[in-house]
Amino acid sequence: MCCSEDSEPFRLIQTNSLTEKYLSFVKTMPYFQTWEEFARAAEKLYLTDPMKVRVVLKYRHCDGNLCIKVTDNAVCLQYKTDQAQDVKKIEKLHGKLMRLMVSKETHSGAMETD
């Protein structure tokens, strides 16, 4: 009985520290202000370790916002827009990344900024 009482506060403290780490991680995932900065950072992140990177697209109809997130679980890059011309840019970058992900060629130097 004594051991279970001692372990409960420890688990609570551990949960709180994990929650704080998660919240600080969420706070450090800012949205990029310009598309060019985001595209360069996303390409660089992908080329660093292609096997860990994943891309998530999310559209919120109520806001009219499209968000793209590129992450490798250590770094999270985000860009949000409601502009039609940015949607085309996102589609183009997403297509490039998908082609690289399925290609068998080496990834060094494969992506160039258009």
PDB file of N, CA and C in Angstrom:
ATOM      1  N   MET A   1       0.819  -1.189   0.000  1.00  0.00           N
ATOM      2  CA  MET A   1       0.000   0.000   0.000  1.00  0.00           C
ATOM      3  C   MET A   1       0.865   1.255   0.000  1.00  0.00           C
ATOM      4  N   CYS A   2       1.935   1.201   0.734  1.00  0.00           N
ATOM      5  CA  CYS A   2       2.831   2.348   0.814  1.00  0.00           C
ATOM      6  C   CYS A   2       3.469   2.630  -0.543  1.00  0.00           C
ATOM      7  N   CYS A   3       3.829   1.585  -1.249  1.00  0.00           N
ATOM      8  CA  CYS A   3       4.466   1.774  -2.552  1.00  0.00           C
ATOM      9  C   CYS A   3       3.517   2.392  -3.560  1.00  0.00           C
ATOM     10  N   SER A   4       2.261   1.985  -3.560  1.00  0.00           N
ATOM     11  CA  SER A   4       1.315   2.554  -4.526  1.00  0.00           C
ATOM     12  C   SER A   4       1.048   4.029  -4.232  1.00  0.00           C
ATOM     13  N   GLU A   5       1.027   4.395  -2.962  1.00  0.00           N
ATOM     14  CA  GLU A   5       0.842   5.805  -2.627  1.00  0.00           C
ATOM     15  C   GLU A   5       2.034   6.634  -3.074  1.00  0.00           C
ATOM     16  N   ASP A   6       3.243   6.065  -2.928  1.00  0.00           N
ATOM     17  CA  ASP A   6       4.443   6.783  -3.355  1.00  0.00           C
ATOM     18  C   ASP A   6       4.516   6.898  -4.869  1.00  0.00           C
ATOM     19  N   SER A   7       4.043   5.887  -5.586  1.00  0.00           N
ATOM     20  CA  SER A   7       4.163   5.927  -7.040  1.00  0.00           C
ATOM     21  C   SER A   7       3.127   6.849  -7.679  1.00  0.00           C
ATOM     22  N   GLU A   8       1.962   7.030  -7.073  1.00  0.00           N
ATOM     23  CA  GLU A   8       0.941   7.894  -7.645  1.00  0.00           C
ATOM     24  C   GLU A   8       1.401   9.350  -7.790  1.00  0.00           C
ATOM     25  N   PRO A   9       1.980   9.962  -6.744  1.00  0.00           N
ATOM     26  CA  PRO A   9       2.450  11.336  -6.932  1.00  0.00           C
ATOM     27  C   PRO A   9       3.542  11.441  -7.991  1.00  0.00           C
ATOM     28  N   PHE A  10       4.389  10.408  -8.073  1.00  0.00           N
ATOM     29  CA  PHE A  10       5.438  10.420  -9.088  1.00  0.00           C
ATOM     30  C   PHE A  10       4.818  10.418 -10.481  1.00  0.00           C
ATOM     31  N   ARG A  11       3.823   9.577 -10.682  1.00  0.00           N
ATOM     32  CA  ARG A  11       3.177   9.511 -11.979  1.00  0.00           C
ATOM     33  C   ARG A  11       2.498  10.842 -12.302  1.00  0.00           C
ATOM     34  N   LEU A  12       1.882  11.455 -11.328  1.00  0.00           N
ATOM     35  CA  LEU A  12       1.250  12.757 -11.528  1.00  0.00           C
ATOM     36  C   LEU A  12       2.289  13.808 -11.906  1.00  0.00           C
ATOM     37  N   ILE A  13       3.417  13.813 -11.230  1.00  0.00           N
ATOM     38  CA  ILE A  13       4.486  14.763 -11.548  1.00  0.00           C
ATOM     39  C   ILE A  13       5.021  14.496 -12.948  1.00  0.00           C
ATOM     40  N   GLN A  14       5.209  13.218 -13.279  1.00  0.00           N
ATOM     41  CA  GLN A  14       5.710  12.869 -14.599  1.00  0.00           C
ATOM     42  C   GLN A  14       4.715  13.317 -15.676  1.00  0.00           C
ATOM     43  N   THR A  15       3.441  13.098 -15.465  1.00  0.00           N
ATOM     44  CA  THR A  15       2.423  13.523 -16.418  1.00  0.00           C
ATOM     45  C   THR A  15       2.440  15.042 -16.579  1.00  0.00           C
ATOM     46  N   ASN A  16       2.562  15.770 -15.478  1.00  0.00           N
ATOM     47  CA  ASN A  16       2.605  17.222 -15.562  1.00  0.00           C
ATOM     48  C   ASN A  16       3.822  17.695 -16.339  1.00  0.00           C
ATOM     49  N   SER A  17       4.987  17.069 -16.112  1.00  0.00           N
ATOM     50  CA  SER A  17       6.178  17.503 -16.843  1.00  0.00           C
ATOM     51  C   SER A  17       6.046  17.182 -18.329  1.00  0.00           C
ATOM     52  N   LEU A  18       5.433  16.033 -18.657  1.00  0.00           N
ATOM     53  CA  LEU A  18       5.222  15.708 -20.065  1.00  0.00           C
ATOM     54  C   LEU A  18       4.241  16.691 -20.704  1.00  0.00           C
ATOM     55  N   THR A  19       3.220  17.063 -19.968  1.00  0.00           N
ATOM     56  CA  THR A  19       2.256  18.043 -20.476  1.00  0.00           C
ATOM     57  C   THR A  19       2.930  19.381 -20.707  1.00  0.00           C
ATOM     58  N   GLU A  20       3.784  19.794 -19.785  1.00  0.00           N
ATOM     59  CA  GLU A  20       4.511  21.056 -19.952  1.00  0.00           C
ATOM     60  C   GLU A  20       5.433  20.997 -21.151  1.00  0.00           C
ATOM     61  N   LYS A  21       6.116  19.863 -21.342  1.00  0.00           N
ATOM     62  CA  LYS A  21       6.990  19.709 -22.506  1.00  0.00           C
ATOM     63  C   LYS A  21       6.176  19.778 -23.786  1.00  0.00           C
ATOM     64  N   TYR A  22       5.004  19.120 -23.798  1.00  0.00           N
ATOM     65  CA  TYR A  22       4.156  19.152 -24.981  1.00  0.00           C
ATOM     66  C   TYR A  22       3.682  20.570 -25.267  1.00  0.00           C
ATOM     67  N   LEU A  23       3.238  21.271 -24.231  1.00  0.00           N
ATOM     68  CA  LEU A  23       2.754  22.639 -24.424  1.00  0.00           C
ATOM     69  C   LEU A  23       3.866  23.557 -24.896  1.00  0.00           C
ATOM     70  N   SER A  24       5.077  23.385 -24.379  1.00  0.00           N
ATOM     71  CA  SER A  24       6.180  24.217 -24.850  1.00  0.00           C
ATOM     72  C   SER A  24       6.531  23.869 -26.290  1.00  0.00           C
ATOM     73  N   PHE A  25       6.387  22.575 -26.668  1.00  0.00           N
ATOM     74  CA  PHE A  25       6.632  22.162 -28.047  1.00  0.00           C
ATOM     75  C   PHE A  25       5.602  22.799 -28.976  1.00  0.00           C
ATOM     76  N   VAL A  26       4.346  22.798 -28.552  1.00  0.00           N
ATOM     77  CA  VAL A  26       3.286  23.397 -29.362  1.00  0.00           C
ATOM     78  C   VAL A  26       3.528  24.891 -29.533  1.00  0.00           C
ATOM     79  N   LYS A  27       3.996  25.562 -28.489  1.00  0.00           N
ATOM     80  CA  LYS A  27       4.259  26.993 -28.571  1.00  0.00           C
ATOM     81  C   LYS A  27       5.414  27.303 -29.501  1.00  0.00           C
ATOM     82  N   THR A  28       6.323  26.342 -29.723  1.00  0.00           N
ATOM     83  CA  THR A  28       7.481  26.588 -30.582  1.00  0.00           C
ATOM     84  C   THR A  28       7.216  26.148 -32.019  1.00  0.00           C
ATOM     85  N   MET A  29       5.963  25.965 -32.401  1.00  0.00           N
ATOM     86  CA  MET A  29       5.625  25.604 -33.771  1.00  0.00           C
ATOM     87  C   MET A  29       4.953  26.793 -34.444  1.00  0.00           C
ATOM     88  N   PRO A  30       5.694  27.855 -34.658  1.00  0.00           N
ATOM     89  CA  PRO A  30       5.060  29.041 -35.245  1.00  0.00           C
ATOM     90  C   PRO A  30       4.754  28.825 -36.727  1.00  0.00           C
ATOM     91  N   TYR A  31       3.826  29.613 -37.233  1.00  0.00           N
ATOM     92  CA  TYR A  31       3.528  29.606 -38.657  1.00  0.00           C
ATOM     93  C   TYR A  31       4.515  30.535 -39.359  1.00  0.00           C
ATOM     94  N   PHE A  32       4.996  30.117 -40.522  1.00  0.00           N
ATOM     95  CA  PHE A  32       5.866  30.974 -41.320  1.00  0.00           C
ATOM     96  C   PHE A  32       5.027  32.093 -41.912  1.00  0.00           C
ATOM     97  N   GLN A  33       5.610  33.271 -42.004  1.00  0.00           N
ATOM     98  CA  GLN A  33       4.903  34.432 -42.531  1.00  0.00           C
ATOM     99  C   GLN A  33       4.928  34.491 -44.053  1.00  0.00           C
ATOM    100  N   THR A  34       6.005  33.985 -44.670  1.00  0.00           N
ATOM    101  CA  THR A  34       6.100  34.030 -46.128  1.00  0.00           C
ATOM    102  C   THR A  34       6.238  32.621 -46.680  1.00  0.00           C
ATOM    103  N   TRP A  35       5.688  32.433 -47.873  1.00  0.00           N
ATOM    104  CA  TRP A  35       5.732  31.129 -48.512  1.00  0.00           C
ATOM    105  C   TRP A  35       7.158  30.721 -48.860  1.00  0.00           C
ATOM    106  N   GLU A  36       7.963  31.665 -49.322  1.00  0.00           N
ATOM    107  CA  GLU A  36       9.326  31.350 -49.739  1.00  0.00           C
ATOM    108  C   GLU A  36      10.138  30.776 -48.579  1.00  0.00           C
ATOM    109  N   GLU A  37      10.027  31.384 -47.403  1.00  0.00           N
ATOM    110  CA  GLU A  37      10.753  30.882 -46.224  1.00  0.00           C
ATOM    111  C   GLU A  37      10.277  29.477 -45.869  1.00  0.00           C
ATOM    112  N   PHE A  38       8.972  29.283 -45.897  1.00  0.00           N
ATOM    113  CA  PHE A  38       8.430  27.969 -45.552  1.00  0.00           C
ATOM    114  C   PHE A  38       8.889  26.910 -46.544  1.00  0.00           C
ATOM    115  N   ALA A  39       8.802  27.201 -47.836  1.00  0.00           N
ATOM    116  CA  ALA A  39       9.167  26.221 -48.861  1.00  0.00           C
ATOM    117  C   ALA A  39      10.637  25.825 -48.743  1.00  0.00           C
ATOM    118  N   ARG A  40      11.514  26.806 -48.527  1.00  0.00           N
ATOM    119  CA  ARG A  40      12.944  26.496 -48.353  1.00  0.00           C
ATOM    120  C   ARG A  40      13.174  25.623 -47.129  1.00  0.00           C
ATOM    121  N   ALA A  41      12.537  25.984 -46.019  1.00  0.00           N
ATOM    122  CA  ALA A  41      12.715  25.224 -44.778  1.00  0.00           C
ATOM    123  C   ALA A  41      12.149  23.812 -44.918  1.00  0.00           C
ATOM    124  N   ALA A  42      11.020  23.662 -45.587  1.00  0.00           N
ATOM    125  CA  ALA A  42      10.410  22.343 -45.773  1.00  0.00           C
ATOM    126  C   ALA A  42      11.295  21.449 -46.650  1.00  0.00           C
ATOM    127  N   GLU A  43      11.825  22.000 -47.717  1.00  0.00           N
ATOM    128  CA  GLU A  43      12.712  21.230 -48.588  1.00  0.00           C
ATOM    129  C   GLU A  43      13.973  20.811 -47.842  1.00  0.00           C
ATOM    130  N   LYS A  44      14.539  21.736 -47.084  1.00  0.00           N
ATOM    131  CA  LYS A  44      15.742  21.436 -46.316  1.00  0.00           C
ATOM    132  C   LYS A  44      15.464  20.350 -45.275  1.00  0.00           C
ATOM    133  N   LEU A  45      14.338  20.448 -44.592  1.00  0.00           N
ATOM    134  CA  LEU A  45      13.979  19.444 -43.603  1.00  0.00           C
ATOM    135  C   LEU A  45      13.798  18.083 -44.258  1.00  0.00           C
ATOM    136  N   TYR A  46      13.140  18.045 -45.403  1.00  0.00           N
ATOM    137  CA  TYR A  46      12.937  16.770 -46.098  1.00  0.00           C
ATOM    138  C   TYR A  46      14.265  16.161 -46.537  1.00  0.00           C
ATOM    139  N   LEU A  47      15.122  16.966 -47.107  1.00  0.00           N
ATOM    140  CA  LEU A  47      16.396  16.449 -47.607  1.00  0.00           C
ATOM    141  C   LEU A  47      17.324  16.000 -46.482  1.00  0.00           C
ATOM    142  N   THR A  48      17.136  16.520 -45.280  1.00  0.00           N
ATOM    143  CA  THR A  48      17.952  16.126 -44.137  1.00  0.00           C
ATOM    144  C   THR A  48      17.721  14.662 -43.784  1.00  0.00           C
ATOM    145  N   ASP A  49      16.462  14.242 -43.714  1.00  0.00           N
ATOM    146  CA  ASP A  49      16.147  12.842 -43.394  1.00  0.00           C
ATOM    147  C   ASP A  49      14.796  12.475 -43.984  1.00  0.00           C
ATOM    148  N   PRO A  50      14.788  12.035 -45.239  1.00  0.00           N
ATOM    149  CA  PRO A  50      13.527  11.760 -45.935  1.00  0.00           C
ATOM    150  C   PRO A  50      12.655  10.687 -45.281  1.00  0.00           C
ATOM    151  N   MET A  51      13.249   9.759 -44.572  1.00  0.00           N
ATOM    152  CA  MET A  51      12.470   8.663 -43.984  1.00  0.00           C
ATOM    153  C   MET A  51      11.665   9.083 -42.758  1.00  0.00           C
ATOM    154  N   LYS A  52      11.983  10.197 -42.148  1.00  0.00           N
ATOM    155  CA  LYS A  52      11.278  10.642 -40.952  1.00  0.00           C
ATOM    156  C   LYS A  52      10.245  11.734 -41.214  1.00  0.00           C
ATOM    157  N   VAL A  53      10.327  12.376 -42.348  1.00  0.00           N
ATOM    158  CA  VAL A  53       9.479  13.540 -42.622  1.00  0.00           C
ATOM    159  C   VAL A  53       8.102  13.105 -43.103  1.00  0.00           C
ATOM    160  N   ARG A  54       7.087  13.795 -42.607  1.00  0.00           N
ATOM    161  CA  ARG A  54       5.733  13.590 -43.107  1.00  0.00           C
ATOM    162  C   ARG A  54       5.079  14.948 -43.335  1.00  0.00           C
ATOM    163  N   VAL A  55       4.112  14.939 -44.238  1.00  0.00           N
ATOM    164  CA  VAL A  55       3.433  16.168 -44.646  1.00  0.00           C
ATOM    165  C   VAL A  55       1.940  16.012 -44.353  1.00  0.00           C
ATOM    166  N   VAL A  56       1.361  17.028 -43.747  1.00  0.00           N
ATOM    167  CA  VAL A  56      -0.060  17.012 -43.433  1.00  0.00           C
ATOM    168  C   VAL A  56      -0.697  18.260 -44.023  1.00  0.00           C
ATOM    169  N   LEU A  57      -1.771  18.074 -44.763  1.00  0.00           N
ATOM    170  CA  LEU A  57      -2.573  19.179 -45.292  1.00  0.00           C
ATOM    171  C   LEU A  57      -3.907  19.174 -44.570  1.00  0.00           C
ATOM    172  N   LYS A  58      -4.357  20.353 -44.163  1.00  0.00           N
ATOM    173  CA  LYS A  58      -5.633  20.445 -43.460  1.00  0.00           C
ATOM    174  C   LYS A  58      -6.386  21.672 -43.959  1.00  0.00           C
ATOM    175  N   TYR A  59      -7.624  21.468 -44.354  1.00  0.00           N
ATOM    176  CA  TYR A  59      -8.476  22.569 -44.805  1.00  0.00           C
ATOM    177  C   TYR A  59      -9.621  22.735 -43.828  1.00  0.00           C
ATOM    178  N   ARG A  60      -9.818  23.967 -43.367  1.00  0.00           N
ATOM    179  CA  ARG A  60     -10.950  24.287 -42.480  1.00  0.00           C
ATOM    180  C   ARG A  60     -11.933  25.138 -43.266  1.00  0.00           C
ATOM    181  N   HIS A  61     -13.045  24.536 -43.625  1.00  0.00           N
ATOM    182  CA  HIS A  61     -14.046  25.221 -44.440  1.00  0.00           C
ATOM    183  C   HIS A  61     -14.638  26.428 -43.714  1.00  0.00           C
ATOM    184  N   CYS A  62     -14.851  26.301 -42.410  1.00  0.00           N
ATOM    185  CA  CYS A  62     -15.474  27.409 -41.669  1.00  0.00           C
ATOM    186  C   CYS A  62     -14.609  28.670 -41.692  1.00  0.00           C
ATOM    187  N   ASP A  63     -13.273  28.497 -41.709  1.00  0.00           N
ATOM    188  CA  ASP A  63     -12.353  29.638 -41.764  1.00  0.00           C
ATOM    189  C   ASP A  63     -11.897  29.952 -43.181  1.00  0.00           C
ATOM    190  N   GLY A  64     -11.987  28.958 -44.063  1.00  0.00           N
ATOM    191  CA  GLY A  64     -11.453  29.117 -45.409  1.00  0.00           C
ATOM    192  C   GLY A  64      -9.936  29.066 -45.426  1.00  0.00           C
ATOM    193  N   ASN A  65      -9.339  28.403 -44.420  1.00  0.00           N
ATOM    194  CA  ASN A  65      -7.871  28.324 -44.309  1.00  0.00           C
ATOM    195  C   ASN A  65      -7.359  26.953 -44.714  1.00  0.00           C
ATOM    196  N   LEU A  66      -6.250  26.952 -45.418  1.00  0.00           N
ATOM    197  CA  LEU A  66      -5.531  25.728 -45.741  1.00  0.00           C
ATOM    198  C   LEU A  66      -4.210  25.785 -45.005  1.00  0.00           C
ATOM    199  N   CYS A  67      -3.900  24.726 -44.273  1.00  0.00           N
ATOM    200  CA  CYS A  67      -2.666  24.663 -43.497  1.00  0.00           C
ATOM    201  C   CYS A  67      -1.840  23.481 -43.978  1.00  0.00           C
ATOM    202  N   ILE A  68      -0.546  23.695 -44.165  1.00  0.00           N
ATOM    203  CA  ILE A  68       0.369  22.615 -44.488  1.00  0.00           C
ATOM    204  C   ILE A  68       1.383  22.535 -43.352  1.00  0.00           C
ATOM    205  N   LYS A  69       1.622  21.314 -42.912  1.00  0.00           N
ATOM    206  CA  LYS A  69       2.584  21.086 -41.835  1.00  0.00           C
ATOM    207  C   LYS A  69       3.571  20.031 -42.300  1.00  0.00           C
ATOM    208  N   VAL A  70       4.864  20.323 -42.139  1.00  0.00           N
ATOM    209  CA  VAL A  70       5.929  19.394 -42.473  1.00  0.00           C
ATOM    210  C   VAL A  70       6.712  19.153 -41.189  1.00  0.00           C
ATOM    211  N   THR A  71       6.829  17.889 -40.790  1.00  0.00           N
ATOM    212  CA  THR A  71       7.474  17.585 -39.522  1.00  0.00           C
ATOM    213  C   THR A  71       8.285  16.305 -39.593  1.00  0.00           C
ATOM    214  N   ASP A  72       9.293  16.240 -38.731  1.00  0.00           N
ATOM    215  CA  ASP A  72      10.056  15.003 -38.538  1.00  0.00           C
ATOM    216  C   ASP A  72      10.044  14.604 -37.062  1.00  0.00           C
ATOM    217  N   ASN A  73       9.098  15.088 -36.323  1.00  0.00           N
ATOM    218  CA  ASN A  73       8.898  14.882 -34.884  1.00  0.00           C
ATOM    219  C   ASN A  73       9.873  15.670 -34.020  1.00  0.00           C
ATOM    220  N   ALA A  74      10.890  16.232 -34.589  1.00  0.00           N
ATOM    221  CA  ALA A  74      11.795  17.098 -33.837  1.00  0.00           C
ATOM    222  C   ALA A  74      11.561  18.553 -34.229  1.00  0.00           C
ATOM    223  N   VAL A  75      11.294  18.772 -35.501  1.00  0.00           N
ATOM    224  CA  VAL A  75      11.041  20.108 -36.036  1.00  0.00           C
ATOM    225  C   VAL A  75       9.674  20.082 -36.705  1.00  0.00           C
ATOM    226  N   CYS A  76       8.893  21.109 -36.470  1.00  0.00           N
ATOM    227  CA  CYS A  76       7.575  21.208 -37.087  1.00  0.00           C
ATOM    228  C   CYS A  76       7.453  22.559 -37.786  1.00  0.00           C
ATOM    229  N   LEU A  77       7.240  22.516 -39.089  1.00  0.00           N
ATOM    230  CA  LEU A  77       7.102  23.725 -39.892  1.00  0.00           C
ATOM    231  C   LEU A  77       5.646  23.849 -40.338  1.00  0.00           C
ATOM    232  N   GLN A  78       5.077  25.043 -40.226  1.00  0.00           N
ATOM    233  CA  GLN A  78       3.679  25.242 -40.584  1.00  0.00           C
ATOM    234  C   GLN A  78       3.494  26.500 -41.410  1.00  0.00           C
ATOM    235  N   TYR A  79       2.531  26.428 -42.311  1.00  0.00           N
ATOM    236  CA  TYR A  79       2.153  27.594 -43.110  1.00  0.00           C
ATOM    237  C   TYR A  79       0.643  27.554 -43.295  1.00  0.00           C
ATOM    238  N   LYS A  80      -0.005  28.678 -43.073  1.00  0.00           N
ATOM    239  CA  LYS A  80      -1.461  28.770 -43.197  1.00  0.00           C
ATOM    240  C   LYS A  80      -1.807  29.904 -44.143  1.00  0.00           C
ATOM    241  N   THR A  81      -2.820  29.663 -44.988  1.00  0.00           N
ATOM    242  CA  THR A  81      -3.228  30.694 -45.930  1.00  0.00           C
ATOM    243  C   THR A  81      -4.715  30.582 -46.252  1.00  0.00           C
ATOM    244  N   ASP A  82      -5.256  31.681 -46.728  1.00  0.00           N
ATOM    245  CA  ASP A  82      -6.615  31.680 -47.257  1.00  0.00           C
ATOM    246  C   ASP A  82      -6.627  32.269 -48.672  1.00  0.00           C
ATOM    247  N   GLN A  83      -5.441  32.437 -49.252  1.00  0.00           N
ATOM    248  CA  GLN A  83      -5.286  33.009 -50.583  1.00  0.00           C
ATOM    249  C   GLN A  83      -5.212  31.916 -51.651  1.00  0.00           C
ATOM    250  N   ALA A  84      -5.929  32.100 -52.752  1.00  0.00           N
ATOM    251  CA  ALA A  84      -5.981  31.100 -53.823  1.00  0.00           C
ATOM    252  C   ALA A  84      -4.609  30.872 -54.455  1.00  0.00           C
ATOM    253  N   GLN A  85      -3.813  31.927 -54.635  1.00  0.00           N
ATOM    254  CA  GLN A  85      -2.500  31.745 -55.265  1.00  0.00           C
ATOM    255  C   GLN A  85      -1.563  30.931 -54.382  1.00  0.00           C
ATOM    256  N   ASP A  86      -1.721  31.003 -53.065  1.00  0.00           N
ATOM    257  CA  ASP A  86      -0.913  30.190 -52.165  1.00  0.00           C
ATOM    258  C   ASP A  86      -1.320  28.727 -52.212  1.00  0.00           C
ATOM    259  N   VAL A  87      -2.575  28.470 -52.489  1.00  0.00           N
ATOM    260  CA  VAL A  87      -3.034  27.085 -52.595  1.00  0.00           C
ATOM    261  C   VAL A  87      -2.308  26.387 -53.743  1.00  0.00           C
ATOM    262  N   LYS A  88      -2.133  27.072 -54.849  1.00  0.00           N
ATOM    263  CA  LYS A  88      -1.388  26.504 -55.989  1.00  0.00           C
ATOM    264  C   LYS A  88       0.066  26.231 -55.608  1.00  0.00           C
ATOM    265  N   LYS A  89       0.683  27.125 -54.843  1.00  0.00           N
ATOM    266  CA  LYS A  89       2.060  26.929 -54.405  1.00  0.00           C
ATOM    267  C   LYS A  89       2.164  25.723 -53.484  1.00  0.00           C
ATOM    268  N   ILE A  90       1.211  25.580 -52.589  1.00  0.00           N
ATOM    269  CA  ILE A  90       1.199  24.435 -51.674  1.00  0.00           C
ATOM    270  C   ILE A  90       1.051  23.143 -52.468  1.00  0.00           C
ATOM    271  N   GLU A  91       0.162  23.166 -53.438  1.00  0.00           N
ATOM    272  CA  GLU A  91      -0.057  21.981 -54.277  1.00  0.00           C
ATOM    273  C   GLU A  91       1.225  21.597 -55.019  1.00  0.00           C
ATOM    274  N   LYS A  92       1.949  22.587 -55.514  1.00  0.00           N
ATOM    275  CA  LYS A  92       3.190  22.337 -56.245  1.00  0.00           C
ATOM    276  C   LYS A  92       4.262  21.752 -55.322  1.00  0.00           C
ATOM    277  N   LEU A  93       4.447  22.330 -54.145  1.00  0.00           N
ATOM    278  CA  LEU A  93       5.430  21.810 -53.183  1.00  0.00           C
ATOM    279  C   LEU A  93       5.042  20.408 -52.734  1.00  0.00           C
ATOM    280  N   HIS A  94       3.786  20.202 -52.450  1.00  0.00           N
ATOM    281  CA  HIS A  94       3.312  18.887 -52.017  1.00  0.00           C
ATOM    282  C   HIS A  94       3.585  17.839 -53.094  1.00  0.00           C
ATOM    283  N   GLY A  95       3.341  18.195 -54.339  1.00  0.00           N
ATOM    284  CA  GLY A  95       3.634  17.287 -55.454  1.00  0.00           C
ATOM    285  C   GLY A  95       5.109  16.949 -55.551  1.00  0.00           C
ATOM    286  N   LYS A  96       5.978  17.959 -55.393  1.00  0.00           N
ATOM    287  CA  LYS A  96       7.428  17.717 -55.423  1.00  0.00           C
ATOM    288  C   LYS A  96       7.849  16.755 -54.323  1.00  0.00           C
ATOM    289  N   LEU A  97       7.345  17.010 -53.113  1.00  0.00           N
ATOM    290  CA  LEU A  97       7.707  16.147 -51.992  1.00  0.00           C
ATOM    291  C   LEU A  97       7.207  14.724 -52.209  1.00  0.00           C
ATOM    292  N   MET A  98       6.009  14.568 -52.734  1.00  0.00           N
ATOM    293  CA  MET A  98       5.465  13.228 -52.969  1.00  0.00           C
ATOM    294  C   MET A  98       6.273  12.495 -54.041  1.00  0.00           C
ATOM    295  N   ARG A  99       6.664  13.200 -55.097  1.00  0.00           N
ATOM    296  CA  ARG A  99       7.490  12.563 -56.132  1.00  0.00           C
ATOM    297  C   ARG A  99       8.825  12.115 -55.561  1.00  0.00           C
ATOM    298  N   LEU A 100       9.432  12.940 -54.715  1.00  0.00           N
ATOM    299  CA  LEU A 100      10.692  12.553 -54.097  1.00  0.00           C
ATOM    300  C   LEU A 100      10.522  11.362 -53.151  1.00  0.00           C
ATOM    301  N   MET A 101       9.405  11.320 -52.468  1.00  0.00           N
ATOM    302  CA  MET A 101       9.185  10.236 -51.516  1.00  0.00           C
ATOM    303  C   MET A 101       9.037   8.881 -52.206  1.00  0.00           C
ATOM    304  N   VAL A 102       8.517   8.870 -53.417  1.00  0.00           N
ATOM    305  CA  VAL A 102       8.333   7.595 -54.112  1.00  0.00           C
ATOM    306  C   VAL A 102       9.461   7.283 -55.088  1.00  0.00           C
ATOM    307  N   SER A 103      10.346   8.231 -55.339  1.00  0.00           N
ATOM    308  CA  SER A 103      11.439   7.987 -56.275  1.00  0.00           C
ATOM    309  C   SER A 103      12.528   7.159 -55.610  1.00  0.00           C
ATOM    310  N   LYS A 104      13.285   6.441 -56.428  1.00  0.00           N
ATOM    311  CA  LYS A 104      14.367   5.611 -55.919  1.00  0.00           C
ATOM    312  C   LYS A 104      15.726   6.279 -56.101  1.00  0.00           C
ATOM    313  N   GLU A 105      15.725   7.474 -56.678  1.00  0.00           N
ATOM    314  CA  GLU A 105      16.966   8.200 -56.880  1.00  0.00           C
ATOM    315  C   GLU A 105      17.462   8.762 -55.564  1.00  0.00           C
ATOM    316  N   THR A 106      18.727   9.177 -55.563  1.00  0.00           N
ATOM    317  CA  THR A 106      19.235   9.851 -54.375  1.00  0.00           C
ATOM    318  C   THR A 106      18.562  11.203 -54.276  1.00  0.00           C
ATOM    319  N   HIS A 107      18.365  11.655 -53.067  1.00  0.00           N
ATOM    320  CA  HIS A 107      17.631  12.904 -52.842  1.00  0.00           C
ATOM    321  C   HIS A 107      18.522  14.138 -52.845  1.00  0.00           C
ATOM    322  N   SER A 108      19.809  13.992 -52.859  1.00  0.00           N
ATOM    323  CA  SER A 108      20.678  15.160 -52.820  1.00  0.00           C
ATOM    324  C   SER A 108      20.599  15.911 -54.137  1.00  0.00           C
ATOM    325  N   GLY A 109      20.266  17.160 -54.038  1.00  0.00           N
ATOM    326  CA  GLY A 109      20.198  18.027 -55.200  1.00  0.00           C
ATOM    327  C   GLY A 109      18.982  17.795 -56.086  1.00  0.00           C
ATOM    328  N   ALA A 110      18.069  16.938 -55.671  1.00  0.00           N
ATOM    329  CA  ALA A 110      16.906  16.627 -56.505  1.00  0.00           C
ATOM    330  C   ALA A 110      15.899  17.771 -56.498  1.00  0.00           C
ATOM    331  N   MET A 111      15.805  18.498 -55.403  1.00  0.00           N
ATOM    332  CA  MET A 111      14.824  19.581 -55.336  1.00  0.00           C
ATOM    333  C   MET A 111      15.493  20.910 -55.637  1.00  0.00           C
ATOM    334  N   GLU A 112      14.893  21.631 -56.504  1.00  0.00           N
ATOM    335  CA  GLU A 112      15.373  22.978 -56.795  1.00  0.00           C
ATOM    336  C   GLU A 112      14.201  23.918 -56.626  1.00  0.00           C
ATOM    337  N   THR A 113      14.485  25.110 -56.178  1.00  0.00           N
ATOM    338  CA  THR A 113      13.435  26.096 -55.988  1.00  0.00           C
ATOM    339  C   THR A 113      12.979  26.617 -57.332  1.00  0.00           C
ATOM    340  N   ASP A 114      11.667  26.576 -57.566  1.00  0.00           N
ATOM    341  CA  ASP A 114      11.110  27.103 -58.819  1.00  0.00           C
ATOM    342  C   ASP A 114      10.693  28.523 -58.674  1.00  0.00           C
TER     343      ASP A 114
END
